[in-house]
């Protein structure tokens, strides 16, 4: 089972392995409150792409396409996530306010393909 959720939501027992997929640590969240198993900042979009997107919904399709291209160079990290997923529930955590337009949504789609 794969799910995505904001890191600001409380951890739940069915989250399974909790992995933060943001390049930057989320504001106002302590490491204890985050209850992470792993912070995989290397799989996050590049700083250049992140700044270009700026969470502007009109740029979403372009962002998703460009992020997918970046992920092609991160096969080892994707394999790690697939291994974690094969071992049980996996929750990809992100900090963005937009629950539909964020890198975790793209990453989840890639992992499910």
Protein backbone atom coordinates (compact mmCIF):
# COMPACT_ATOMS: atom_id res chain seq x y z
CA UNK A 1 0.00 0.00 0.00
CA UNK A 2 1.38 3.38 -1.05
CA UNK A 3 0.03 6.68 0.15
CA UNK A 4 1.09 10.29 0.31
CA UNK A 5 0.35 12.79 3.03
CA UNK A 6 1.47 16.12 4.40
CA UNK A 7 4.11 15.85 7.06
CA UNK A 8 1.98 18.16 9.20
CA UNK A 9 -0.64 15.41 9.58
CA UNK A 10 -0.23 13.18 12.63
CA UNK A 11 1.50 9.83 12.09
CA UNK A 12 -0.83 6.84 12.01
CA UNK A 13 -0.09 3.16 12.60
CA UNK A 14 -1.07 2.24 9.02
CA UNK A 15 1.49 4.70 7.56
CA UNK A 16 4.09 1.97 7.60
CA UNK A 17 7.47 3.27 6.49
CA UNK A 18 7.40 7.09 6.52
CA UNK A 19 9.74 8.80 4.05
CA UNK A 20 10.08 12.55 3.60
CA UNK A 21 10.65 13.35 -0.09
CA UNK A 22 11.27 17.11 0.22
CA UNK A 23 14.68 18.67 -0.40
CA UNK A 24 14.22 21.11 2.50
CA UNK A 25 13.23 20.29 6.06
CA UNK A 26 9.62 21.44 6.70
CA UNK A 27 9.16 24.49 8.89
CA UNK A 28 7.86 24.00 12.39
CA UNK A 29 8.27 20.23 12.47
CA UNK A 30 10.60 18.59 14.95
CA UNK A 31 12.29 15.31 14.07
CA UNK A 32 10.31 13.64 16.84
CA UNK A 33 6.98 14.95 15.55
CA UNK A 34 7.85 13.93 11.98
CA UNK A 35 8.32 10.30 13.05
CA UNK A 36 10.37 9.57 9.94
CA UNK A 37 12.01 6.36 8.94
CA UNK A 38 14.02 8.13 6.26
CA UNK A 39 14.57 11.59 4.76
CA UNK A 40 15.28 10.98 1.09
CA UNK A 41 16.00 14.55 0.00
CA UNK A 42 18.05 13.34 -2.98
CA UNK A 43 14.89 12.15 -4.75
CA UNK A 44 13.22 15.55 -4.49
CA UNK A 45 13.05 17.82 -7.55
CA UNK A 46 16.13 19.90 -8.26
CA UNK A 47 16.27 23.37 -6.75
CA UNK A 48 15.95 24.82 -10.24
CA UNK A 49 12.77 22.86 -10.98
CA UNK A 50 11.33 23.52 -7.54
CA UNK A 51 11.82 27.27 -7.92
CA UNK A 52 10.43 27.27 -11.46
CA UNK A 53 7.27 25.41 -10.38
CA UNK A 54 6.67 27.57 -7.31
CA UNK A 55 3.47 25.54 -6.66
CA UNK A 56 1.70 27.43 -9.44
CA UNK A 57 -1.08 25.04 -10.56
CA UNK A 58 -0.86 26.25 -14.18
CA UNK A 59 2.71 24.88 -14.31
CA UNK A 60 1.71 21.49 -12.93
CA UNK A 61 1.84 19.43 -16.13
CA UNK A 62 5.20 20.93 -17.08
CA UNK A 63 6.53 20.30 -13.59
CA UNK A 64 5.34 16.70 -13.57
CA UNK A 65 6.92 16.04 -16.96
CA UNK A 66 10.25 17.64 -15.99
CA UNK A 67 10.33 15.87 -12.62
CA UNK A 68 9.74 12.52 -14.32
CA UNK A 69 12.78 13.26 -16.51
CA UNK A 70 14.86 14.01 -13.41
CA UNK A 71 13.71 10.76 -11.82
CA UNK A 72 15.13 8.80 -14.76
CA UNK A 73 18.58 9.58 -13.36
CA UNK A 74 17.63 8.38 -9.87
CA UNK A 75 17.09 4.68 -10.51
CA UNK A 76 18.88 3.58 -7.33
CA UNK A 77 16.66 5.77 -5.17
CA UNK A 78 13.52 4.59 -6.97
CA UNK A 79 14.64 1.00 -6.43
CA UNK A 80 15.09 1.72 -2.73
CA UNK A 81 11.52 3.05 -2.54
CA UNK A 82 10.21 0.03 -4.45
CA UNK A 83 11.98 -2.29 -2.00
CA UNK A 84 10.45 -0.44 0.94
CA UNK A 85 7.05 -0.70 -0.71
CA UNK A 86 7.47 -4.45 -1.24
CA UNK A 87 8.12 -4.84 2.50
CA UNK A 88 4.86 -3.21 3.59
CA UNK A 89 2.94 0.06 3.65
CA UNK A 90 4.86 3.13 2.49
CA UNK A 91 3.92 6.75 3.05
CA UNK A 92 5.61 9.51 1.07
CA UNK A 93 5.61 12.73 3.08
CA UNK A 94 5.72 16.26 1.70
CA UNK A 95 5.28 19.75 3.15
CA UNK A 96 3.46 21.58 0.33
CA UNK A 97 0.02 23.01 1.10
CA UNK A 98 -1.38 21.79 -2.23
CA UNK A 99 -2.35 18.17 -1.72
CA UNK A 100 -2.72 17.44 -5.44
CA UNK A 101 0.13 19.38 -7.02
CA UNK A 102 3.34 18.24 -5.31
CA UNK A 103 6.32 16.05 -6.03
CA UNK A 104 5.08 13.20 -3.84
CA UNK A 105 2.06 12.80 -6.16
CA UNK A 106 4.34 12.46 -9.18
CA UNK A 107 6.67 10.13 -7.34
CA UNK A 108 3.77 7.90 -6.25
CA UNK A 109 2.59 7.64 -9.86
CA UNK A 110 6.08 6.65 -11.00
CA UNK A 111 6.34 3.99 -8.30
CA UNK A 112 2.97 2.52 -9.25
CA UNK A 113 3.78 2.26 -12.96
